Amino acid sequence: DSVNWEFLQYMMERMDFPLKWRKWIAECVSTTRIFVLLNGSPTGEFGVGKGLRQGDPLAPFLFLIVAEGLNALMSMYELF
């Protein structure tokens, strides 16, 4: 349900993601701004904490990156 962002950054670095991509992904998940419709009218815009929103198209890709790291850890310790 949640991922350590330092681990995600570490995995992207280990997988040779260019720095530009790593910064871009970090920016995408840390600078989200939203507004709410209240009685059909938008409220003022406000920021939300770091993380992916439900339905975010990046979520499946980031999950695979983290899963790859967990797979490597399990293989290293021969858990499976």
C-alpha atoms as a PDB file:
ATOM      1  CA  ASP A   1       0.000   0.000   0.000  1.00  0.00           C
ATOM      2  CA  SER A   2       2.981   2.295   0.447  1.00  0.00           C
ATOM      3  CA  VAL A   3       6.548   2.336  -0.826  1.00  0.00           C
ATOM      4  CA  ASN A   4       9.677   3.850   0.615  1.00  0.00           C
ATOM      5  CA  TRP A   5      10.572   6.546  -1.924  1.00  0.00           C
ATOM      6  CA  GLU A   6      14.283   6.248  -1.205  1.00  0.00           C
ATOM      7  CA  PHE A   7      14.063   2.552  -2.128  1.00  0.00           C
ATOM      8  CA  LEU A   8      12.287   3.419  -5.364  1.00  0.00           C
ATOM      9  CA  GLN A   9      14.970   5.991  -6.205  1.00  0.00           C
ATOM     10  CA  TYR A  10      17.667   3.449  -5.339  1.00  0.00           C
ATOM     11  CA  MET A  11      16.084   0.819  -7.595  1.00  0.00           C
ATOM     12  CA  MET A  12      15.764   3.222 -10.509  1.00  0.00           C
ATOM     13  CA  GLU A  13      19.433   4.122 -10.106  1.00  0.00           C
ATOM     14  CA  ARG A  14      20.425   0.430  -9.988  1.00  0.00           C
ATOM     15  CA  MET A  15      18.358  -0.184 -13.137  1.00  0.00           C
ATOM     16  CA  ASP A  16      20.307   2.595 -14.882  1.00  0.00           C
ATOM     17  CA  PHE A  17      17.422   5.031 -15.194  1.00  0.00           C
ATOM     18  CA  PRO A  18      18.933   8.333 -16.326  1.00  0.00           C
ATOM     19  CA  LEU A  19      19.031  11.044 -13.658  1.00  0.00           C
ATOM     20  CA  LYS A  20      16.634  13.124 -15.742  1.00  0.00           C
ATOM     21  CA  TRP A  21      14.008  10.341 -15.582  1.00  0.00           C
ATOM     22  CA  ARG A  22      14.500   9.799 -11.850  1.00  0.00           C
ATOM     23  CA  LYS A  23      13.997  13.512 -11.193  1.00  0.00           C
ATOM     24  CA  TRP A  24      10.970  13.594 -13.488  1.00  0.00           C
ATOM     25  CA  ILE A  25       9.289  10.686 -11.671  1.00  0.00           C
ATOM     26  CA  ALA A  26      10.080  12.209  -8.261  1.00  0.00           C
ATOM     27  CA  GLU A  27       8.543  15.486  -9.424  1.00  0.00           C
ATOM     28  CA  CYS A  28       5.419  13.705 -10.663  1.00  0.00           C
ATOM     29  CA  VAL A  29       4.743  12.080  -7.305  1.00  0.00           C
ATOM     30  CA  SER A  30       5.719  14.975  -5.040  1.00  0.00           C
ATOM     31  CA  THR A  31       4.130  18.068  -6.573  1.00  0.00           C
ATOM     32  CA  THR A  32       0.532  17.020  -7.061  1.00  0.00           C
ATOM     33  CA  ARG A  33      -2.066  19.768  -6.829  1.00  0.00           C
ATOM     34  CA  ILE A  34      -5.798  19.108  -6.842  1.00  0.00           C
ATOM     35  CA  PHE A  35      -9.123  20.861  -6.518  1.00  0.00           C
ATOM     36  CA  VAL A  36     -12.493  19.571  -5.366  1.00  0.00           C
ATOM     37  CA  LEU A  37     -15.887  20.144  -6.942  1.00  0.00           C
ATOM     38  CA  LEU A  38     -18.226  21.531  -4.286  1.00  0.00           C
ATOM     39  CA  ASN A  39     -21.842  21.871  -5.398  1.00  0.00           C
ATOM     40  CA  GLY A  40     -20.615  21.705  -8.998  1.00  0.00           C
ATOM     41  CA  SER A  41     -18.029  24.479  -8.627  1.00  0.00           C
ATOM     42  CA  PRO A  42     -14.281  23.979  -8.194  1.00  0.00           C
ATOM     43  CA  THR A  43     -12.698  24.961  -4.893  1.00  0.00           C
ATOM     44  CA  GLY A  44      -9.313  26.614  -4.711  1.00  0.00           C
ATOM     45  CA  GLU A  45      -6.360  24.489  -5.738  1.00  0.00           C
ATOM     46  CA  PHE A  46      -4.315  22.874  -2.971  1.00  0.00           C
ATOM     47  CA  GLY A  47      -1.359  20.531  -2.664  1.00  0.00           C
ATOM     48  CA  VAL A  48      -1.439  16.984  -1.373  1.00  0.00           C
ATOM     49  CA  GLY A  49       1.317  14.882   0.149  1.00  0.00           C
ATOM     50  CA  LYS A  50       3.789  12.778  -1.764  1.00  0.00           C
ATOM     51  CA  GLY A  51       2.300   9.712  -3.375  1.00  0.00           C
ATOM     52  CA  LEU A  52       0.356   8.300  -6.266  1.00  0.00           C
ATOM     53  CA  ARG A  53      -3.336   8.849  -6.631  1.00  0.00           C
ATOM     54  CA  GLN A  54      -5.768   6.043  -7.416  1.00  0.00           C
ATOM     55  CA  GLY A  55      -5.709   5.417 -11.150  1.00  0.00           C
ATOM     56  CA  ASP A  56      -2.354   7.145 -11.689  1.00  0.00           C
ATOM     57  CA  PRO A  57      -0.902   5.720 -14.924  1.00  0.00           C
ATOM     58  CA  LEU A  58       2.595   5.635 -13.350  1.00  0.00           C
ATOM     59  CA  ALA A  59       1.542   3.272 -10.547  1.00  0.00           C
ATOM     60  CA  PRO A  60       1.889  -0.066 -12.413  1.00  0.00           C
ATOM     61  CA  PHE A  61       5.351   0.837 -13.696  1.00  0.00           C
ATOM     62  CA  LEU A  62       6.600   1.987 -10.300  1.00  0.00           C
ATOM     63  CA  PHE A  63       5.166  -1.184  -8.744  1.00  0.00           C
ATOM     64  CA  LEU A  64       7.188  -3.291 -11.196  1.00  0.00           C
ATOM     65  CA  ILE A  65      10.383  -1.421 -10.300  1.00  0.00           C
ATOM     66  CA  VAL A  66       9.813  -2.061  -6.587  1.00  0.00           C
ATOM     67  CA  ALA A  67       8.846  -5.701  -7.249  1.00  0.00           C
ATOM     68  CA  GLU A  68      12.114  -6.181  -9.133  1.00  0.00           C
ATOM     69  CA  GLY A  69      14.005  -4.984  -6.063  1.00  0.00           C
ATOM     70  CA  LEU A  70      12.077  -7.306  -3.765  1.00  0.00           C
ATOM     71  CA  ASN A  71      12.720 -10.194  -6.156  1.00  0.00           C
ATOM     72  CA  ALA A  72      16.454  -9.454  -6.079  1.00  0.00           C
ATOM     73  CA  LEU A  73      16.442  -9.363  -2.263  1.00  0.00           C
ATOM     74  CA  MET A  74      14.578 -12.661  -2.012  1.00  0.00           C
ATOM     75  CA  SER A  75      16.941 -14.285  -4.516  1.00  0.00           C
ATOM     76  CA  MET A  76      19.950 -12.967  -2.633  1.00  0.00           C
ATOM     77  CA  TYR A  77      18.727 -14.587   0.577  1.00  0.00           C
ATOM     78  CA  GLU A  78      17.330 -17.634  -1.268  1.00  0.00           C
ATOM     79  CA  LEU A  79      13.878 -17.130   0.196  1.00  0.00           C
ATOM     80  CA  PHE A  80      12.227 -18.588  -2.892  1.00  0.00           C
END
